[in-house]
Protein backbone atom coordinates (compact mmCIF):
# COMPACT_ATOMS: atom_id res chain seq x y z
CA UNK A 1 -32.68 -15.68 103.65
CA UNK A 2 -32.90 -13.66 100.71
CA UNK A 3 -29.45 -13.09 98.55
CA UNK A 4 -29.32 -9.42 97.66
CA UNK A 5 -28.78 -9.28 93.81
CA UNK A 6 -25.78 -8.69 92.32
CA UNK A 7 -24.49 -4.90 92.32
CA UNK A 8 -25.02 -3.59 89.05
CA UNK A 9 -21.41 -3.07 86.77
CA UNK A 10 -20.95 0.69 87.19
CA UNK A 11 -21.63 2.48 83.72
CA UNK A 12 -18.35 3.82 81.43
CA UNK A 13 -18.19 7.02 80.35
CA UNK A 14 -17.99 7.38 76.50
CA UNK A 15 -17.33 10.42 74.85
CA UNK A 16 -19.05 10.70 71.62
CA UNK A 17 -19.92 7.22 69.89
CA UNK A 18 -21.11 3.75 70.70
CA UNK A 19 -18.74 1.64 72.46
CA UNK A 20 -19.04 -1.45 70.05
CA UNK A 21 -18.49 1.09 67.18
CA UNK A 22 -15.52 2.65 69.01
CA UNK A 23 -14.15 -0.88 69.50
CA UNK A 24 -14.47 -2.15 66.38
CA UNK A 25 -13.23 0.89 64.50
CA UNK A 26 -9.25 0.63 65.86
CA UNK A 27 -9.11 -3.03 64.98
CA UNK A 28 -10.74 -2.66 61.31
CA UNK A 29 -8.34 0.41 60.34
CA UNK A 30 -4.95 -1.82 61.71
CA UNK A 31 -6.20 -4.43 59.70
CA UNK A 32 -6.73 -2.73 56.76
CA UNK A 33 -3.69 -0.70 57.41
CA UNK A 34 -1.95 -3.92 57.52
CA UNK A 35 -3.05 -5.51 54.60
CA UNK A 36 -2.08 -2.35 52.32
CA UNK A 37 1.27 -2.24 53.55
CA UNK A 38 2.04 -6.27 53.08
CA UNK A 39 0.62 -5.75 49.76
CA UNK A 40 3.09 -2.57 49.15
CA UNK A 41 5.96 -4.82 50.66
CA UNK A 42 5.13 -7.64 48.09
CA UNK A 43 5.14 -5.51 45.09
CA UNK A 44 8.60 -3.98 46.30
CA UNK A 45 9.80 -6.67 46.57
CA UNK A 46 8.67 -8.64 43.01
CA UNK A 47 9.90 -5.32 41.81
CA UNK A 48 13.17 -5.56 42.60
CA UNK A 49 13.56 -9.34 41.87
CA UNK A 50 12.42 -8.27 38.35
CA UNK A 51 15.01 -5.56 38.11
CA UNK A 52 17.63 -7.91 39.62
CA UNK A 53 16.51 -10.58 37.53
CA UNK A 54 16.61 -8.63 34.18
CA UNK A 55 20.19 -7.10 34.82
CA UNK A 56 22.01 -10.20 36.05
CA UNK A 57 20.20 -13.20 34.45
CA UNK A 58 22.21 -15.46 31.95
CA UNK A 59 21.78 -14.61 27.96
CA UNK A 60 19.21 -17.07 26.62
CA UNK A 61 20.87 -20.81 25.80
CA UNK A 62 24.33 -19.71 27.32
CA UNK A 63 26.07 -20.58 30.26
CA UNK A 64 27.06 -18.01 33.01
CA UNK A 65 28.94 -18.61 35.90
CA UNK A 66 30.64 -16.22 38.76
CA UNK A 67 34.38 -15.76 38.49
CA UNK A 68 36.89 -15.78 41.95
CA UNK A 69 38.14 -12.11 41.18
CA UNK A 70 34.28 -10.93 40.32
CA UNK A 71 32.29 -10.17 37.57
CA UNK A 72 30.03 -12.76 35.43
CA UNK A 73 31.23 -14.77 32.69
CA UNK A 74 28.74 -15.57 29.89
CA UNK A 75 29.92 -18.34 27.58
CA UNK A 76 27.77 -18.70 24.38
CA UNK A 77 30.32 -21.05 22.22
CA UNK A 78 29.26 -23.05 19.36
CA UNK A 79 25.43 -22.37 19.50
CA UNK A 80 25.00 -21.53 15.99
CA UNK A 81 24.38 -17.87 16.77
CA UNK A 82 24.23 -15.89 13.65
CA UNK A 83 24.04 -12.51 15.38
CA UNK A 84 25.01 -11.20 18.98
CA UNK A 85 23.04 -11.71 22.00
CA UNK A 86 21.03 -8.65 23.01
CA UNK A 87 20.24 -10.11 26.65
CA UNK A 88 23.66 -10.14 27.88
CA UNK A 89 23.72 -9.22 32.01
CA UNK A 90 25.21 -5.98 32.12
CA UNK A 91 27.15 -6.67 34.87
CA UNK A 92 29.41 -9.01 32.46
CA UNK A 93 33.00 -8.91 32.59
CA UNK A 94 33.78 -11.39 29.77
CA UNK A 95 31.65 -12.79 26.70
CA UNK A 96 32.87 -15.71 25.08
CA UNK A 97 30.82 -15.57 21.60
CA UNK A 98 33.45 -18.14 19.38
CA UNK A 99 32.91 -21.25 17.01
CA UNK A 100 29.36 -19.22 15.75
CA UNK A 101 28.02 -17.71 12.26
CA UNK A 102 28.24 -14.49 13.13
CA UNK A 103 29.06 -12.96 10.13
CA UNK A 104 28.82 -9.11 10.96
CA UNK A 105 29.07 -6.79 14.41
CA UNK A 106 26.56 -3.89 13.98
CA UNK A 107 26.86 -0.65 15.53
CA UNK A 108 26.57 -0.33 19.68
CA UNK A 109 26.41 -3.94 19.54
CA UNK A 110 28.00 -4.26 23.17
CA UNK A 111 26.78 -0.93 24.53
CA UNK A 112 25.28 -2.07 27.21
CA UNK A 113 28.52 -3.90 28.74
CA UNK A 114 30.24 -0.81 30.81
CA UNK A 115 32.30 -3.43 32.97
CA UNK A 116 33.64 -5.94 29.91
CA UNK A 117 37.09 -6.51 29.92
CA UNK A 118 37.45 -9.53 27.64
CA UNK A 119 35.28 -10.15 24.37
CA UNK A 120 35.94 -13.49 22.22
CA UNK A 121 34.63 -13.73 18.46
CA UNK A 122 37.11 -15.90 17.01
CA UNK A 123 35.95 -18.78 14.44
CA UNK A 124 33.27 -16.87 13.37
CA UNK A 125 32.37 -15.86 9.81
CA UNK A 126 32.93 -11.91 10.36
CA UNK A 127 33.25 -10.36 7.53
CA UNK A 128 31.83 -6.72 8.33
CA UNK A 129 32.85 -4.35 11.51
CA UNK A 130 29.99 -1.76 11.56
CA UNK A 131 31.28 1.64 12.23
CA UNK A 132 31.12 1.82 16.53
CA UNK A 133 31.04 -2.02 16.47
CA UNK A 134 32.65 -1.79 19.72
CA UNK A 135 31.48 1.32 20.64
CA UNK A 136 31.26 1.87 24.94
CA UNK A 137 34.41 -0.65 25.86
CA UNK A 138 37.23 2.04 25.23
CA UNK A 139 37.66 2.47 28.99
CA UNK A 140 37.21 -1.11 30.22
CA UNK A 141 37.97 -3.87 27.17
CA UNK A 142 41.47 -5.20 27.14
CA UNK A 143 41.32 -7.89 25.18
CA UNK A 144 39.45 -8.78 21.76
CA UNK A 145 40.01 -11.74 19.99
CA UNK A 146 38.83 -11.71 16.14
CA UNK A 147 40.87 -14.50 14.68
CA UNK A 148 40.03 -16.87 12.36
CA UNK A 149 37.33 -15.03 11.07
CA UNK A 150 36.84 -13.31 7.43
CA UNK A 151 37.67 -10.13 7.86
CA UNK A 152 39.39 -8.50 4.79
CA UNK A 153 39.06 -4.46 4.74
CA UNK A 154 40.29 -2.72 8.15
CA UNK A 155 37.44 -0.06 8.80
CA UNK A 156 39.24 1.83 11.62
CA UNK A 157 35.59 3.36 12.65
CA UNK A 158 35.02 0.07 14.08
CA UNK A 159 37.73 0.38 16.61
CA UNK A 160 37.03 4.46 17.77
CA UNK A 161 38.17 4.90 21.25
CA UNK A 162 39.46 1.22 21.91
CA UNK A 163 42.55 0.65 23.57
CA UNK A 164 42.78 -3.10 23.89
CA UNK A 165 45.07 -5.80 22.83
CA UNK A 166 43.42 -7.06 19.76
CA UNK A 167 44.50 -10.48 18.33
CA UNK A 168 43.51 -10.21 14.56
CA UNK A 169 45.51 -13.30 12.88
CA UNK A 170 43.84 -15.41 10.64
CA UNK A 171 42.26 -13.15 8.16
CA UNK A 172 42.00 -12.74 4.69
CA UNK A 173 43.25 -8.91 5.24
CA UNK A 174 43.52 -7.12 1.68
CA UNK A 175 46.63 -4.71 2.23
CA UNK A 176 46.19 -1.27 0.60
CA UNK A 177 46.19 2.30 0.68
CA UNK A 178 42.76 2.95 2.75
CA UNK A 179 44.71 0.03 5.21
CA UNK A 180 48.06 2.14 5.35
CA UNK A 181 45.88 5.34 5.70
CA UNK A 182 43.66 3.63 8.37
CA UNK A 183 46.56 2.34 10.64
CA UNK A 184 47.58 6.25 12.38
CA UNK A 185 43.70 6.74 13.18
CA UNK A 186 43.18 3.64 15.63
CA UNK A 187 44.55 3.05 19.32
CA UNK A 188 44.59 -0.20 19.75
CA UNK A 189 48.22 -1.64 21.30
CA UNK A 190 50.79 -1.71 18.36
CA UNK A 191 51.33 -5.39 18.75
CA UNK A 192 48.06 -6.05 17.92
CA UNK A 193 48.27 -4.58 14.17
CA UNK A 194 51.25 -7.20 13.75
CA UNK A 195 48.57 -9.53 13.10
CA UNK A 196 47.43 -8.10 10.10
CA UNK A 197 49.16 -10.56 7.29
CA UNK A 198 48.80 -9.42 3.59
CA UNK A 199 46.41 -12.26 1.54
CA UNK A 200 45.79 -9.92 -1.16
CA UNK A 201 47.05 -6.29 -1.60
CA UNK A 202 46.62 -3.28 -4.14
CA UNK A 203 48.83 -2.76 -6.07
CA UNK A 204 49.59 -6.63 -6.44
CA UNK A 205 53.31 -6.14 -7.42
CA UNK A 206 54.32 -4.65 -4.37
CA UNK A 207 54.69 -7.87 -3.37
CA UNK A 208 53.65 -7.84 0.29
CA UNK A 209 51.43 -11.25 0.12
CA UNK A 210 52.20 -13.19 3.39
CA UNK A 211 53.69 -10.28 4.81
CA UNK A 212 52.95 -8.95 7.84
CA UNK A 213 51.78 -5.24 7.08
CA UNK A 214 53.90 -3.85 9.89
CA UNK A 215 56.84 -5.72 9.46
CA UNK A 216 57.08 -4.10 6.10
CA UNK A 217 57.61 -0.32 6.96
CA UNK A 218 59.12 0.46 3.74
CA UNK A 219 56.47 -0.56 1.50
CA UNK A 220 54.18 2.29 0.42
CA UNK A 221 50.81 0.69 -0.80
CA UNK A 222 50.00 4.73 -1.64
CA UNK A 223 52.30 4.89 -4.49
CA UNK A 224 49.73 4.17 -7.06
CA UNK A 225 47.22 6.62 -5.35
CA UNK A 226 50.10 9.20 -5.56
CA UNK A 227 51.18 8.58 -9.32
CA UNK A 228 47.24 9.41 -10.13
CA UNK A 229 47.20 12.28 -8.08
CA UNK A 230 50.58 13.62 -9.78
CA UNK A 231 49.19 13.19 -13.14
CA UNK A 232 45.89 14.66 -12.14
CA UNK A 233 47.98 17.68 -10.70
CA UNK A 234 49.84 18.01 -14.10
CA UNK A 235 46.55 17.96 -16.24
CA UNK A 236 45.60 20.71 -14.40
CA UNK A 237 48.38 22.74 -14.25
CA UNK A 238 48.70 21.85 -18.19
CA UNK A 239 45.20 23.16 -18.22
CA UNK A 240 45.80 26.31 -16.61
CA UNK A 241 48.82 27.24 -18.59
CA UNK A 242 46.96 26.69 -21.46
CA UNK A 243 44.34 29.02 -20.69
CA UNK A 244 46.69 32.00 -19.26
CA UNK A 245 48.94 31.30 -22.62
CA UNK A 246 45.84 31.48 -24.95
CA UNK A 247 44.59 34.63 -23.02
CA UNK A 248 47.52 36.59 -23.51
CA UNK A 249 47.72 35.50 -26.75
CA UNK A 250 43.73 36.54 -27.81
CA UNK A 251 44.81 39.75 -25.63
CA UNK A 252 47.88 40.36 -28.00
CA UNK A 253 45.98 39.63 -31.00
CA UNK A 254 43.49 42.11 -29.87
CA UNK A 255 45.64 44.89 -28.98
CA UNK A 256 47.43 44.69 -32.06
CA UNK A 257 44.28 45.01 -34.15
CA UNK A 258 42.97 48.09 -32.03
CA UNK A 259 46.88 49.68 -32.79
CA UNK A 260 46.48 49.05 -36.33
CA UNK A 261 43.12 50.70 -36.50
CA UNK A 262 44.49 53.81 -34.21
CA UNK A 263 47.51 54.22 -37.05
CA UNK A 264 44.94 54.21 -39.35
CA UNK A 265 43.25 56.95 -38.03
CA UNK A 266 46.13 58.67 -37.58
CA UNK A 267 47.17 58.43 -40.99
CA UNK A 268 43.85 60.18 -42.14
CA UNK A 269 44.29 63.07 -40.27
CA UNK A 270 46.85 64.95 -42.69
CA UNK A 271 44.98 64.76 -45.27
CA UNK A 272 41.63 65.97 -44.09
CA UNK A 273 43.66 68.67 -42.68
CA UNK A 274 45.33 69.55 -45.86
CA UNK A 275 41.65 69.75 -47.63
CA UNK A 276 40.19 72.11 -45.02
CA UNK A 277 43.45 74.52 -45.60
CA UNK A 278 42.82 74.36 -49.37
CA UNK A 279 39.02 75.05 -49.12
CA UNK A 280 39.66 77.91 -46.54
CA UNK A 281 42.72 79.30 -48.80
CA UNK A 282 39.88 79.47 -51.56
CA UNK A 283 37.35 80.89 -49.62
CA UNK A 284 39.78 83.63 -48.78
CA UNK A 285 40.66 84.61 -52.44
CA UNK A 286 37.17 84.67 -53.71
């Protein structure tokens, strides 16, 4: 018996394009879209990691740790550093740069550390603090250690806006009129300035060597400048009085000369008048 042929499958209705193309296009499109999405997510993750690493990575050669209270501590002690590192993470709370070879602190050296509360620069060769050396730390810094350095001249512009407690001991401070005038211009805690012990002074005969400047409130280091100012004022006043007196003498002499000429002129008037009367009489007689 002859088996009947299998029934033909009913044809599917498609609108528009070929069924094979219609089947493949959504899969290719989804594949391309998934690849682009993965690449974008991968790039975003890499950028996030780079930004986070740049913000939180430890400075080269230093040791970083997270404190229990929160915030990062960067220790760069005893590394023979000759300048302040520029790659300190901006979320740092404490920086230790002690026992190095730092000779100066440039302006804006710590401007990128808005959360810094403690800065240790002790046991270095610091002899210069440029104006604005601690700019940007006024609202956060609580403790500044500058002990055991070579600071001799006190520059108030280096501490602008700083209200921290500073350790200024064991420096060869030179006490002079500039130091005395700079004291009221800083906002450091008053106890900080007690660490300024005069190793040298100007003038020397004042006798403040070895004394804390703030513990000698009766000492006036500007006495020489005041004397110089007084002498200069006296010289100026003497010169001014000399000019005034010279002008008065010249004025009196000039007036005397004019008065003498005027008197001579007046004396000559009657003789001319008599001659004129005599000539008029003679003319009348004739």
